[in-house]
Amino acid sequence: MLEAAQFVETLEKRQGYKVACLEEIALNNGWLSKEKVLEIGQKMSKNDYGQYLISLIGEDL
């Protein structure tokens, strides 16, 4: 389990994206709007995950 977690962490750092980011998947499939993802990201803006969500919208504009 530890090895799997370390693999995911390494992959995320090297590739620059989150593995299994539900909001990103929903955005890409049209299930969530950019505005909703931004809203969710702003609520969590003090952590890396929230900042990642905000960056998704920044890249997508």
PDB file of N, CA and C in Angstrom:
ATOM      1  N   MET A   1       0.834  -1.178   0.000  1.00  0.00           N
ATOM      2  CA  MET A   1       0.000   0.000   0.000  1.00  0.00           C
ATOM      3  C   MET A   1       0.886   1.252   0.000  1.00  0.00           C
ATOM      4  N   LEU A   2       1.923   1.219   0.796  1.00  0.00           N
ATOM      5  CA  LEU A   2       2.826   2.367   0.858  1.00  0.00           C
ATOM      6  C   LEU A   2       3.492   2.604  -0.496  1.00  0.00           C
ATOM      7  N   GLU A   3       3.917   1.534  -1.147  1.00  0.00           N
ATOM      8  CA  GLU A   3       4.550   1.675  -2.457  1.00  0.00           C
ATOM      9  C   GLU A   3       3.588   2.278  -3.475  1.00  0.00           C
ATOM     10  N   ALA A   4       2.339   1.883  -3.429  1.00  0.00           N
ATOM     11  CA  ALA A   4       1.341   2.430  -4.345  1.00  0.00           C
ATOM     12  C   ALA A   4       1.143   3.919  -4.088  1.00  0.00           C
ATOM     13  N   ALA A   5       1.074   4.301  -2.832  1.00  0.00           N
ATOM     14  CA  ALA A   5       0.909   5.713  -2.481  1.00  0.00           C
ATOM     15  C   ALA A   5       2.107   6.532  -2.936  1.00  0.00           C
ATOM     16  N   GLN A   6       3.299   5.984  -2.771  1.00  0.00           N
ATOM     17  CA  GLN A   6       4.497   6.693  -3.206  1.00  0.00           C
ATOM     18  C   GLN A   6       4.543   6.816  -4.732  1.00  0.00           C
ATOM     19  N   PHE A   7       4.089   5.775  -5.425  1.00  0.00           N
ATOM     20  CA  PHE A   7       4.035   5.826  -6.885  1.00  0.00           C
ATOM     21  C   PHE A   7       3.096   6.929  -7.353  1.00  0.00           C
ATOM     22  N   VAL A   8       1.921   7.003  -6.752  1.00  0.00           N
ATOM     23  CA  VAL A   8       0.946   8.033  -7.122  1.00  0.00           C
ATOM     24  C   VAL A   8       1.515   9.418  -6.832  1.00  0.00           C
ATOM     25  N   GLU A   9       2.145   9.576  -5.689  1.00  0.00           N
ATOM     26  CA  GLU A   9       2.739  10.863  -5.339  1.00  0.00           C
ATOM     27  C   GLU A   9       3.805  11.270  -6.359  1.00  0.00           C
ATOM     28  N   THR A  10       4.661  10.346  -6.731  1.00  0.00           N
ATOM     29  CA  THR A  10       5.705  10.623  -7.716  1.00  0.00           C
ATOM     30  C   THR A  10       5.105  10.981  -9.064  1.00  0.00           C
ATOM     31  N   LEU A  11       4.110  10.225  -9.475  1.00  0.00           N
ATOM     32  CA  LEU A  11       3.438  10.490 -10.752  1.00  0.00           C
ATOM     33  C   LEU A  11       2.815  11.879 -10.772  1.00  0.00           C
ATOM     34  N   GLU A  12       2.134  12.243  -9.702  1.00  0.00           N
ATOM     35  CA  GLU A  12       1.508  13.568  -9.637  1.00  0.00           C
ATOM     36  C   GLU A  12       2.549  14.680  -9.709  1.00  0.00           C
ATOM     37  N   LYS A  13       3.648  14.507  -9.013  1.00  0.00           N
ATOM     38  CA  LYS A  13       4.682  15.543  -9.018  1.00  0.00           C
ATOM     39  C   LYS A  13       5.334  15.676 -10.384  1.00  0.00           C
ATOM     40  N   ARG A  14       5.640  14.554 -11.011  1.00  0.00           N
ATOM     41  CA  ARG A  14       6.334  14.598 -12.303  1.00  0.00           C
ATOM     42  C   ARG A  14       5.432  15.034 -13.447  1.00  0.00           C
ATOM     43  N   GLN A  15       4.196  14.595 -13.439  1.00  0.00           N
ATOM     44  CA  GLN A  15       3.280  14.894 -14.532  1.00  0.00           C
ATOM     45  C   GLN A  15       2.540  16.213 -14.346  1.00  0.00           C
ATOM     46  N   GLY A  16       2.417  16.667 -13.106  1.00  0.00           N
ATOM     47  CA  GLY A  16       1.756  17.945 -12.843  1.00  0.00           C
ATOM     48  C   GLY A  16       0.238  17.869 -12.819  1.00  0.00           C
ATOM     49  N   TYR A  17      -0.310  16.692 -12.662  1.00  0.00           N
ATOM     50  CA  TYR A  17      -1.756  16.575 -12.536  1.00  0.00           C
ATOM     51  C   TYR A  17      -2.102  15.608 -11.408  1.00  0.00           C
ATOM     52  N   LYS A  18      -3.332  15.698 -10.941  1.00  0.00           N
ATOM     53  CA  LYS A  18      -3.795  14.844  -9.851  1.00  0.00           C
ATOM     54  C   LYS A  18      -4.394  13.561 -10.417  1.00  0.00           C
ATOM     55  N   VAL A  19      -4.089  12.458  -9.778  1.00  0.00           N
ATOM     56  CA  VAL A  19      -4.656  11.169 -10.162  1.00  0.00           C
ATOM     57  C   VAL A  19      -6.056  11.070  -9.561  1.00  0.00           C
ATOM     58  N   ALA A  20      -7.030  10.743 -10.391  1.00  0.00           N
ATOM     59  CA  ALA A  20      -8.428  10.551  -9.963  1.00  0.00           C
ATOM     60  C   ALA A  20      -9.037  11.802  -9.331  1.00  0.00           C
ATOM     61  N   CYS A  21      -8.794  12.948  -9.922  1.00  0.00           N
ATOM     62  CA  CYS A  21      -9.410  14.195  -9.464  1.00  0.00           C
ATOM     63  C   CYS A  21     -10.849  14.228  -9.991  1.00  0.00           C
ATOM     64  N   LEU A  22     -11.790  13.984  -9.113  1.00  0.00           N
ATOM     65  CA  LEU A  22     -13.185  13.853  -9.523  1.00  0.00           C
ATOM     66  C   LEU A  22     -13.729  15.113 -10.183  1.00  0.00           C
ATOM     67  N   GLU A  23     -13.355  16.268  -9.671  1.00  0.00           N
ATOM     68  CA  GLU A  23     -13.825  17.524 -10.259  1.00  0.00           C
ATOM     69  C   GLU A  23     -13.276  17.718 -11.667  1.00  0.00           C
ATOM     70  N   GLU A  24     -12.030  17.327 -11.879  1.00  0.00           N
ATOM     71  CA  GLU A  24     -11.434  17.451 -13.211  1.00  0.00           C
ATOM     72  C   GLU A  24     -12.127  16.500 -14.191  1.00  0.00           C
ATOM     73  N   ILE A  25     -12.394  15.291 -13.758  1.00  0.00           N
ATOM     74  CA  ILE A  25     -13.096  14.324 -14.594  1.00  0.00           C
ATOM     75  C   ILE A  25     -14.488  14.846 -14.945  1.00  0.00           C
ATOM     76  N   ALA A  26     -15.187  15.369 -13.930  1.00  0.00           N
ATOM     77  CA  ALA A  26     -16.535  15.909 -14.160  1.00  0.00           C
ATOM     78  C   ALA A  26     -16.503  17.107 -15.094  1.00  0.00           C
ATOM     79  N   LEU A  27     -15.514  17.964 -14.961  1.00  0.00           N
ATOM     80  CA  LEU A  27     -15.368  19.124 -15.848  1.00  0.00           C
ATOM     81  C   LEU A  27     -15.136  18.666 -17.290  1.00  0.00           C
ATOM     82  N   ASN A  28     -14.234  17.722 -17.469  1.00  0.00           N
ATOM     83  CA  ASN A  28     -13.908  17.238 -18.812  1.00  0.00           C
ATOM     84  C   ASN A  28     -15.088  16.535 -19.481  1.00  0.00           C
ATOM     85  N   ASN A  29     -15.976  15.951 -18.693  1.00  0.00           N
ATOM     86  CA  ASN A  29     -17.140  15.259 -19.243  1.00  0.00           C
ATOM     87  C   ASN A  29     -18.378  16.150 -19.318  1.00  0.00           C
ATOM     88  N   GLY A  30     -18.239  17.412 -18.897  1.00  0.00           N
ATOM     89  CA  GLY A  30     -19.355  18.342 -18.971  1.00  0.00           C
ATOM     90  C   GLY A  30     -20.373  18.184 -17.847  1.00  0.00           C
ATOM     91  N   TRP A  31     -20.011  17.449 -16.800  1.00  0.00           N
ATOM     92  CA  TRP A  31     -20.919  17.236 -15.675  1.00  0.00           C
ATOM     93  C   TRP A  31     -20.868  18.393 -14.674  1.00  0.00           C
ATOM     94  N   LEU A  32     -19.761  19.122 -14.658  1.00  0.00           N
ATOM     95  CA  LEU A  32     -19.620  20.325 -13.834  1.00  0.00           C
ATOM     96  C   LEU A  32     -19.191  21.476 -14.733  1.00  0.00           C
ATOM     97  N   SER A  33     -19.682  22.659 -14.418  1.00  0.00           N
ATOM     98  CA  SER A  33     -19.283  23.848 -15.177  1.00  0.00           C
ATOM     99  C   SER A  33     -17.951  24.381 -14.640  1.00  0.00           C
ATOM    100  N   LYS A  34     -17.304  25.229 -15.436  1.00  0.00           N
ATOM    101  CA  LYS A  34     -16.067  25.869 -14.997  1.00  0.00           C
ATOM    102  C   LYS A  34     -16.318  26.681 -13.726  1.00  0.00           C
ATOM    103  N   GLU A  35     -17.473  27.337 -13.683  1.00  0.00           N
ATOM    104  CA  GLU A  35     -17.813  28.178 -12.537  1.00  0.00           C
ATOM    105  C   GLU A  35     -17.918  27.338 -11.248  1.00  0.00           C
ATOM    106  N   LYS A  36     -18.519  26.154 -11.365  1.00  0.00           N
ATOM    107  CA  LYS A  36     -18.682  25.290 -10.189  1.00  0.00           C
ATOM    108  C   LYS A  36     -17.332  24.756  -9.723  1.00  0.00           C
ATOM    109  N   VAL A  37     -16.479  24.373 -10.646  1.00  0.00           N
ATOM    110  CA  VAL A  37     -15.142  23.888 -10.276  1.00  0.00           C
ATOM    111  C   VAL A  37     -14.345  25.012  -9.618  1.00  0.00           C
ATOM    112  N   LEU A  38     -14.462  26.213 -10.156  1.00  0.00           N
ATOM    113  CA  LEU A  38     -13.781  27.359  -9.561  1.00  0.00           C
ATOM    114  C   LEU A  38     -14.316  27.625  -8.154  1.00  0.00           C
ATOM    115  N   GLU A  39     -15.612  27.542  -7.972  1.00  0.00           N
ATOM    116  CA  GLU A  39     -16.224  27.727  -6.659  1.00  0.00           C
ATOM    117  C   GLU A  39     -15.698  26.699  -5.658  1.00  0.00           C
ATOM    118  N   ILE A  40     -15.637  25.457  -6.071  1.00  0.00           N
ATOM    119  CA  ILE A  40     -15.123  24.393  -5.198  1.00  0.00           C
ATOM    120  C   ILE A  40     -13.655  24.663  -4.875  1.00  0.00           C
ATOM    121  N   GLY A  41     -12.880  25.030  -5.891  1.00  0.00           N
ATOM    122  CA  GLY A  41     -11.462  25.318  -5.687  1.00  0.00           C
ATOM    123  C   GLY A  41     -11.228  26.479  -4.739  1.00  0.00           C
ATOM    124  N   GLN A  42     -12.060  27.508  -4.839  1.00  0.00           N
ATOM    125  CA  GLN A  42     -11.897  28.672  -3.968  1.00  0.00           C
ATOM    126  C   GLN A  42     -12.197  28.333  -2.512  1.00  0.00           C
ATOM    127  N   LYS A  43     -13.118  27.394  -2.294  1.00  0.00           N
ATOM    128  CA  LYS A  43     -13.417  26.974  -0.920  1.00  0.00           C
ATOM    129  C   LYS A  43     -12.224  26.256  -0.289  1.00  0.00           C
ATOM    130  N   MET A  44     -11.395  25.650  -1.128  1.00  0.00           N
ATOM    131  CA  MET A  44     -10.228  24.905  -0.638  1.00  0.00           C
ATOM    132  C   MET A  44      -8.926  25.564  -1.065  1.00  0.00           C
ATOM    133  N   SER A  45      -8.955  26.850  -1.284  1.00  0.00           N
ATOM    134  CA  SER A  45      -7.806  27.541  -1.874  1.00  0.00           C
ATOM    135  C   SER A  45      -6.556  27.548  -0.996  1.00  0.00           C
ATOM    136  N   LYS A  46      -6.695  27.189   0.259  1.00  0.00           N
ATOM    137  CA  LYS A  46      -5.531  27.181   1.145  1.00  0.00           C
ATOM    138  C   LYS A  46      -4.744  25.876   1.074  1.00  0.00           C
ATOM    139  N   ASN A  47      -5.248  24.900   0.308  1.00  0.00           N
ATOM    140  CA  ASN A  47      -4.490  23.659   0.176  1.00  0.00           C
ATOM    141  C   ASN A  47      -4.158  23.395  -1.295  1.00  0.00           C
ATOM    142  N   ASP A  48      -3.284  22.423  -1.525  1.00  0.00           N
ATOM    143  CA  ASP A  48      -2.811  22.129  -2.873  1.00  0.00           C
ATOM    144  C   ASP A  48      -3.934  21.693  -3.809  1.00  0.00           C
ATOM    145  N   TYR A  49      -4.894  20.940  -3.290  1.00  0.00           N
ATOM    146  CA  TYR A  49      -5.979  20.439  -4.122  1.00  0.00           C
ATOM    147  C   TYR A  49      -6.841  21.594  -4.640  1.00  0.00           C
ATOM    148  N   GLY A  50      -7.190  22.524  -3.757  1.00  0.00           N
ATOM    149  CA  GLY A  50      -7.969  23.684  -4.172  1.00  0.00           C
ATOM    150  C   GLY A  50      -7.223  24.527  -5.188  1.00  0.00           C
ATOM    151  N   GLN A  51      -5.939  24.702  -4.975  1.00  0.00           N
ATOM    152  CA  GLN A  51      -5.123  25.472  -5.914  1.00  0.00           C
ATOM    153  C   GLN A  51      -5.039  24.773  -7.264  1.00  0.00           C
ATOM    154  N   TYR A  52      -5.008  23.442  -7.236  1.00  0.00           N
ATOM    155  CA  TYR A  52      -5.002  22.676  -8.483  1.00  0.00           C
ATOM    156  C   TYR A  52      -6.296  22.903  -9.257  1.00  0.00           C
ATOM    157  N   LEU A  53      -7.432  22.860  -8.558  1.00  0.00           N
ATOM    158  CA  LEU A  53      -8.720  23.081  -9.223  1.00  0.00           C
ATOM    159  C   LEU A  53      -8.779  24.475  -9.839  1.00  0.00           C
ATOM    160  N   ILE A  54      -8.307  25.465  -9.106  1.00  0.00           N
ATOM    161  CA  ILE A  54      -8.302  26.837  -9.625  1.00  0.00           C
ATOM    162  C   ILE A  54      -7.401  26.917 -10.863  1.00  0.00           C
ATOM    163  N   SER A  55      -6.277  26.221 -10.830  1.00  0.00           N
ATOM    164  CA  SER A  55      -5.364  26.257 -11.981  1.00  0.00           C
ATOM    165  C   SER A  55      -5.993  25.601 -13.209  1.00  0.00           C
ATOM    166  N   LEU A  56      -6.840  24.598 -12.998  1.00  0.00           N
ATOM    167  CA  LEU A  56      -7.525  23.963 -14.132  1.00  0.00           C
ATOM    168  C   LEU A  56      -8.375  24.978 -14.886  1.00  0.00           C
ATOM    169  N   ILE A  57      -9.058  25.818 -14.147  1.00  0.00           N
ATOM    170  CA  ILE A  57      -9.922  26.818 -14.768  1.00  0.00           C
ATOM    171  C   ILE A  57      -9.081  27.907 -15.425  1.00  0.00           C
ATOM    172  N   GLY A  58      -7.984  28.278 -14.779  1.00  0.00           N
ATOM    173  CA  GLY A  58      -7.084  29.281 -15.341  1.00  0.00           C
ATOM    174  C   GLY A  58      -6.528  28.854 -16.684  1.00  0.00           C
ATOM    175  N   GLU A  59      -6.197  27.557 -16.811  1.00  0.00           N
ATOM    176  CA  GLU A  59      -5.654  27.031 -18.060  1.00  0.00           C
ATOM    177  C   GLU A  59      -6.749  26.897 -19.110  1.00  0.00           C
ATOM    178  N   ASP A  60      -7.979  26.721 -18.646  1.00  0.00           N
ATOM    179  CA  ASP A  60      -9.090  26.422 -19.543  1.00  0.00           C
ATOM    180  C   ASP A  60      -9.762  27.693 -20.104  1.00  0.00           C
ATOM    181  N   LEU A  61      -9.435  28.870 -19.549  1.00  0.00           N
ATOM    182  CA  LEU A  61     -10.079  30.105 -20.012  1.00  0.00           C
ATOM    183  C   LEU A  61      -9.560  30.580 -21.340  1.00  0.00           C
TER     184      LEU A  61
END
